[in-house]
N, C-alpha and C. Protein backbone atom coordinates (compact mmCIF):
# COMPACT_ATOMS: atom_id res chain seq x y z
N MET A 1 11.39 12.74 47.24
CA MET A 1 10.71 12.21 46.08
C MET A 1 11.39 12.61 44.78
N ALA A 2 12.14 13.68 44.78
CA ALA A 2 12.81 14.13 43.57
C ALA A 2 13.95 13.20 43.19
N ASP A 3 14.44 12.40 44.15
CA ASP A 3 15.57 11.50 43.89
C ASP A 3 15.12 10.15 43.32
N GLU A 4 13.82 9.93 43.21
CA GLU A 4 13.33 8.65 42.70
C GLU A 4 13.62 8.53 41.21
N GLU A 5 13.97 7.33 40.80
CA GLU A 5 14.25 7.06 39.39
C GLU A 5 12.95 6.96 38.61
N GLN A 6 12.92 7.59 37.46
CA GLN A 6 11.73 7.52 36.61
C GLN A 6 12.02 6.60 35.44
N HIS A 7 11.09 5.74 35.14
CA HIS A 7 11.21 4.83 34.00
C HIS A 7 10.09 5.14 33.02
N ILE A 8 10.49 5.54 31.83
CA ILE A 8 9.50 5.80 30.78
C ILE A 8 9.86 4.95 29.57
N SER A 9 8.86 4.63 28.80
CA SER A 9 9.09 3.78 27.64
C SER A 9 9.86 4.54 26.56
N THR A 10 10.48 3.80 25.68
CA THR A 10 11.24 4.40 24.58
C THR A 10 10.32 5.22 23.70
N GLN A 11 9.13 4.72 23.46
CA GLN A 11 8.16 5.43 22.62
C GLN A 11 7.80 6.78 23.22
N ASP A 12 7.59 6.82 24.53
CA ASP A 12 7.24 8.07 25.19
C ASP A 12 8.44 9.03 25.21
N ALA A 13 9.62 8.50 25.37
CA ALA A 13 10.82 9.35 25.42
C ALA A 13 11.08 9.99 24.06
N ARG A 14 10.80 9.30 22.99
CA ARG A 14 11.01 9.85 21.65
C ARG A 14 9.97 10.88 21.29
N GLY A 15 8.82 10.79 21.87
CA GLY A 15 7.76 11.74 21.57
C GLY A 15 7.02 11.43 20.29
N GLY A 16 7.15 10.24 19.78
CA GLY A 16 6.42 9.88 18.56
C GLY A 16 6.87 8.54 18.02
N ALA A 17 6.29 8.17 16.92
CA ALA A 17 6.61 6.89 16.29
C ALA A 17 7.90 7.03 15.47
N THR A 18 8.59 5.94 15.31
CA THR A 18 9.80 5.93 14.48
C THR A 18 9.61 4.90 13.37
N PRO A 19 9.09 5.35 12.24
CA PRO A 19 8.89 4.42 11.13
C PRO A 19 10.23 3.96 10.55
N HIS A 20 10.21 2.86 9.86
CA HIS A 20 11.43 2.29 9.31
C HIS A 20 11.79 2.86 7.94
N VAL A 21 11.19 3.99 7.59
CA VAL A 21 11.45 4.61 6.30
C VAL A 21 12.91 5.03 6.19
N VAL A 22 13.48 5.53 7.26
CA VAL A 22 14.87 6.00 7.25
C VAL A 22 15.81 4.86 6.90
N ARG A 23 15.53 3.68 7.41
CA ARG A 23 16.36 2.51 7.12
C ARG A 23 16.36 2.20 5.63
N TYR A 24 15.19 2.31 5.00
CA TYR A 24 15.11 2.04 3.56
C TYR A 24 15.82 3.13 2.75
N VAL A 25 15.66 4.37 3.15
CA VAL A 25 16.30 5.47 2.44
C VAL A 25 17.82 5.33 2.52
N LEU A 26 18.35 5.02 3.69
CA LEU A 26 19.79 4.85 3.84
C LEU A 26 20.30 3.66 3.03
N GLY A 27 19.56 2.58 3.04
CA GLY A 27 19.97 1.39 2.27
C GLY A 27 19.99 1.65 0.78
N ILE A 28 18.95 2.29 0.28
CA ILE A 28 18.85 2.58 -1.15
C ILE A 28 19.93 3.57 -1.57
N SER A 29 20.14 4.61 -0.76
CA SER A 29 21.16 5.60 -1.12
C SER A 29 22.56 5.00 -1.06
N LEU A 30 22.81 4.10 -0.13
CA LEU A 30 24.10 3.43 -0.07
C LEU A 30 24.31 2.56 -1.31
N ALA A 31 23.29 1.83 -1.70
CA ALA A 31 23.39 0.98 -2.89
C ALA A 31 23.62 1.83 -4.14
N LEU A 32 22.93 2.94 -4.25
CA LEU A 32 23.12 3.82 -5.41
C LEU A 32 24.53 4.42 -5.42
N ALA A 33 25.04 4.78 -4.26
CA ALA A 33 26.38 5.34 -4.18
C ALA A 33 27.42 4.31 -4.61
N VAL A 34 27.26 3.07 -4.20
CA VAL A 34 28.18 2.01 -4.60
C VAL A 34 28.12 1.78 -6.11
N ILE A 35 26.92 1.76 -6.66
CA ILE A 35 26.77 1.55 -8.11
C ILE A 35 27.42 2.68 -8.89
N VAL A 36 27.21 3.93 -8.44
CA VAL A 36 27.82 5.07 -9.14
C VAL A 36 29.33 5.01 -9.06
N MET A 37 29.87 4.65 -7.91
CA MET A 37 31.33 4.56 -7.76
C MET A 37 31.89 3.45 -8.65
N LEU A 38 31.19 2.33 -8.76
CA LEU A 38 31.64 1.25 -9.63
C LEU A 38 31.62 1.69 -11.09
N LEU A 39 30.59 2.42 -11.49
CA LEU A 39 30.52 2.91 -12.87
C LEU A 39 31.65 3.89 -13.16
N VAL A 40 31.97 4.74 -12.20
CA VAL A 40 33.05 5.71 -12.39
C VAL A 40 34.40 4.98 -12.50
N LEU A 41 34.59 3.97 -11.70
CA LEU A 41 35.87 3.23 -11.73
C LEU A 41 36.04 2.42 -13.01
N TRP A 42 34.95 1.93 -13.59
CA TRP A 42 35.04 1.09 -14.79
C TRP A 42 35.27 1.91 -16.05
N ARG A 43 35.08 3.20 -16.02
CA ARG A 43 35.24 4.03 -17.22
C ARG A 43 36.65 4.43 -17.44
C-alpha cells in the first residue's frame, strides 16, 4: 500500500490560498522600475 500513488489537489498541496496580490505587486514594481530607468536615461 505504500507504493500507491497519491493525488492531492494543488490547493491542498500549497496549504492555503494563493491570492493574486503578488501578481499586481510584481507588475506595479516592474512598471515603476521601467519609468525610473527611463527618467534616469533622459536626464
